[in-house]
């Protein structure tokens, strides 16, 4: 059910990024990720992407860069996160982590339900990120101003 992102047509993946994120660029912690260049996992149903996760492994840590599911409550994102944990552990990672903006209450809840814990808060981080990716809106989910980043992590057995 979960497959490597590299097995999907590049145009389909790029279109998914643009639909979900406005472009194939992601800015977090003051740096830019080119999503189409990252490894990832996908779930496809009837030739449509129903879930997509991108990540980056460096320095014994696995950063979850993006995770999206087109249908909530069916376990798609959790399935991809679980698969990534196996990949990260096999590559010797001791930590999985991600950045979430302060407005994204759904993602904060999702990551905590899946064993991750809040470990850092970056006040006004979106000021720097908007210089890198001007398409980031000022207001996010439920009308909450997007201003800060929260870092969540899960320690892996090494």
Protein backbone atom coordinates (compact mmCIF):
# COMPACT_ATOMS: atom_id res chain seq x y z
CA UNK A 1 0.00 0.00 0.00
CA UNK A 2 2.82 2.44 0.86
CA UNK A 3 5.29 2.88 -1.97
CA UNK A 4 8.40 4.97 -2.57
CA UNK A 5 7.63 8.35 -4.07
CA UNK A 6 10.17 7.65 -6.80
CA UNK A 7 7.78 5.07 -8.31
CA UNK A 8 5.20 7.74 -9.20
CA UNK A 9 5.21 9.99 -12.28
CA UNK A 10 7.10 13.18 -11.44
CA UNK A 11 4.36 15.38 -12.96
CA UNK A 12 1.73 13.84 -10.69
CA UNK A 13 3.90 14.41 -7.61
CA UNK A 14 4.70 18.01 -8.58
CA UNK A 15 0.99 18.72 -9.16
CA UNK A 16 0.19 17.31 -5.71
CA UNK A 17 2.81 19.57 -4.08
CA UNK A 18 1.45 22.63 -5.87
CA UNK A 19 -2.11 21.79 -4.84
CA UNK A 20 -1.24 21.23 -1.17
CA UNK A 21 1.61 23.72 -0.63
CA UNK A 22 1.27 26.30 -3.40
CA UNK A 23 4.59 25.24 -4.93
CA UNK A 24 7.18 22.49 -4.65
CA UNK A 25 9.19 24.61 -2.21
CA UNK A 26 8.88 24.28 1.55
CA UNK A 27 10.45 26.76 3.97
CA UNK A 28 11.08 25.85 7.59
CA UNK A 29 13.66 26.79 10.21
CA UNK A 30 14.95 29.46 7.82
CA UNK A 31 15.85 27.12 4.98
CA UNK A 32 14.23 25.96 1.76
CA UNK A 33 13.46 22.37 0.78
CA UNK A 34 12.90 21.48 -2.87
CA UNK A 35 10.23 18.84 -2.34
CA UNK A 36 10.64 17.16 -5.73
CA UNK A 37 14.27 16.38 -4.80
CA UNK A 38 13.46 14.67 -1.49
CA UNK A 39 12.82 10.99 -0.89
CA UNK A 40 9.28 10.17 0.08
CA UNK A 41 6.45 7.73 0.50
CA UNK A 42 3.07 7.68 -1.16
CA UNK A 43 -0.26 5.92 -1.00
CA UNK A 44 -2.17 5.69 -4.27
CA UNK A 45 -5.77 4.66 -4.78
CA UNK A 46 -7.32 4.35 -8.23
CA UNK A 47 -4.27 6.09 -9.75
CA UNK A 48 -4.71 9.14 -7.49
CA UNK A 49 -2.33 10.11 -4.68
CA UNK A 50 -4.22 9.82 -1.41
CA UNK A 51 -1.18 10.29 0.81
CA UNK A 52 2.29 11.71 0.40
CA UNK A 53 5.16 12.15 2.84
CA UNK A 54 8.60 13.64 2.16
CA UNK A 55 11.63 13.36 4.40
CA UNK A 56 15.33 14.03 4.69
CA UNK A 57 17.90 11.97 6.58
CA UNK A 58 21.06 13.69 7.77
CA UNK A 59 23.34 13.40 10.77
CA UNK A 60 21.54 10.37 12.21
CA UNK A 61 18.20 12.18 12.22
CA UNK A 62 15.13 11.94 10.00
CA UNK A 63 13.24 15.13 9.30
CA UNK A 64 9.65 14.76 8.15
CA UNK A 65 9.36 17.65 5.70
CA UNK A 66 5.75 17.19 4.54
CA UNK A 67 2.91 14.80 5.20
CA UNK A 68 -0.48 15.04 3.52
CA UNK A 69 -3.52 12.84 3.23
CA UNK A 70 -6.46 13.62 1.01
CA UNK A 71 -8.84 11.67 3.25
CA UNK A 72 -8.76 12.09 7.01
CA UNK A 73 -9.47 9.38 9.52
CA UNK A 74 -8.51 6.38 7.36
CA UNK A 75 -4.99 5.94 8.72
CA UNK A 76 -3.14 6.88 5.53
CA UNK A 77 -0.78 9.40 7.16
CA UNK A 78 -0.18 7.12 10.16
CA UNK A 79 0.67 4.26 7.81
CA UNK A 80 3.26 6.39 5.99
CA UNK A 81 4.69 7.67 9.29
CA UNK A 82 5.05 4.11 10.57
CA UNK A 83 6.83 3.06 7.37
CA UNK A 84 9.16 6.04 7.66
CA UNK A 85 10.02 5.09 11.23
CA UNK A 86 11.15 1.66 9.97
CA UNK A 87 13.23 3.28 7.21
CA UNK A 88 14.80 5.77 9.63
CA UNK A 89 15.64 3.08 12.19
CA UNK A 90 17.16 0.86 9.48
CA UNK A 91 19.37 3.80 8.44
CA UNK A 92 20.56 4.26 12.03
CA UNK A 93 18.57 7.38 12.88
CA UNK A 94 18.10 8.09 16.56
CA UNK A 95 15.41 10.74 16.11
CA UNK A 96 12.51 11.61 13.80
CA UNK A 97 11.37 15.20 13.88
CA UNK A 98 9.18 17.73 12.11
CA UNK A 99 8.22 21.38 12.05
CA UNK A 100 4.58 22.45 12.28
CA UNK A 101 3.22 25.99 12.18
CA UNK A 102 1.24 27.25 15.16
CA UNK A 103 -2.07 27.29 13.24
CA UNK A 104 -1.93 23.63 12.22
CA UNK A 105 -3.77 22.16 15.18
CA UNK A 106 -4.74 19.05 13.18
CA UNK A 107 -1.07 18.22 12.46
CA UNK A 108 0.01 18.91 16.04
CA UNK A 109 -2.69 16.50 17.27
CA UNK A 110 -1.78 13.91 14.60
CA UNK A 111 1.92 13.86 15.45
CA UNK A 112 1.28 13.67 19.19
CA UNK A 113 -1.20 10.80 18.72
CA UNK A 114 1.54 9.02 16.78
CA UNK A 115 4.17 9.17 19.51
CA UNK A 116 5.85 12.50 18.85
CA UNK A 117 6.30 15.14 21.51
CA UNK A 118 6.75 18.90 21.41
CA UNK A 119 10.43 19.74 21.94
CA UNK A 120 11.00 23.32 20.65
CA UNK A 121 9.19 26.56 19.88
CA UNK A 122 10.49 29.11 17.37
CA UNK A 123 8.87 32.51 17.95
CA UNK A 124 8.17 34.57 14.80
CA UNK A 125 9.97 32.03 12.58
CA UNK A 126 7.56 32.69 9.73
CA UNK A 127 9.08 36.15 9.19
CA UNK A 128 12.28 34.47 7.90
CA UNK A 129 10.38 31.75 6.06
CA UNK A 130 8.27 34.27 4.13
CA UNK A 131 11.45 35.88 2.82
CA UNK A 132 12.35 32.46 1.38
CA UNK A 133 8.83 31.53 0.25
CA UNK A 134 6.59 34.61 -0.12
CA UNK A 135 3.53 32.43 -0.92
CA UNK A 136 3.14 31.49 2.77
CA UNK A 137 -0.17 33.06 3.82
CA UNK A 138 -0.45 35.34 6.84
CA UNK A 139 -3.47 33.47 8.19
CA UNK A 140 -3.97 29.74 8.35
CA UNK A 141 -6.44 27.19 9.59
CA UNK A 142 -9.43 28.52 11.52
CA UNK A 143 -8.28 32.11 10.90
CA UNK A 144 -5.24 31.72 13.15
CA UNK A 145 -2.30 34.00 12.23
CA UNK A 146 0.68 31.92 11.08
CA UNK A 147 3.62 33.25 13.07
CA UNK A 148 5.56 30.52 14.85
CA UNK A 149 7.03 27.06 14.32
CA UNK A 150 6.79 24.16 16.70
CA UNK A 151 9.18 21.23 16.57
CA UNK A 152 8.01 17.76 17.49
CA UNK A 153 10.19 14.68 17.82
CA UNK A 154 10.19 10.98 18.43
CA UNK A 155 13.29 9.28 19.78
CA UNK A 156 14.20 6.06 17.99
CA UNK A 157 16.17 3.19 19.42
CA UNK A 158 19.65 3.26 18.02
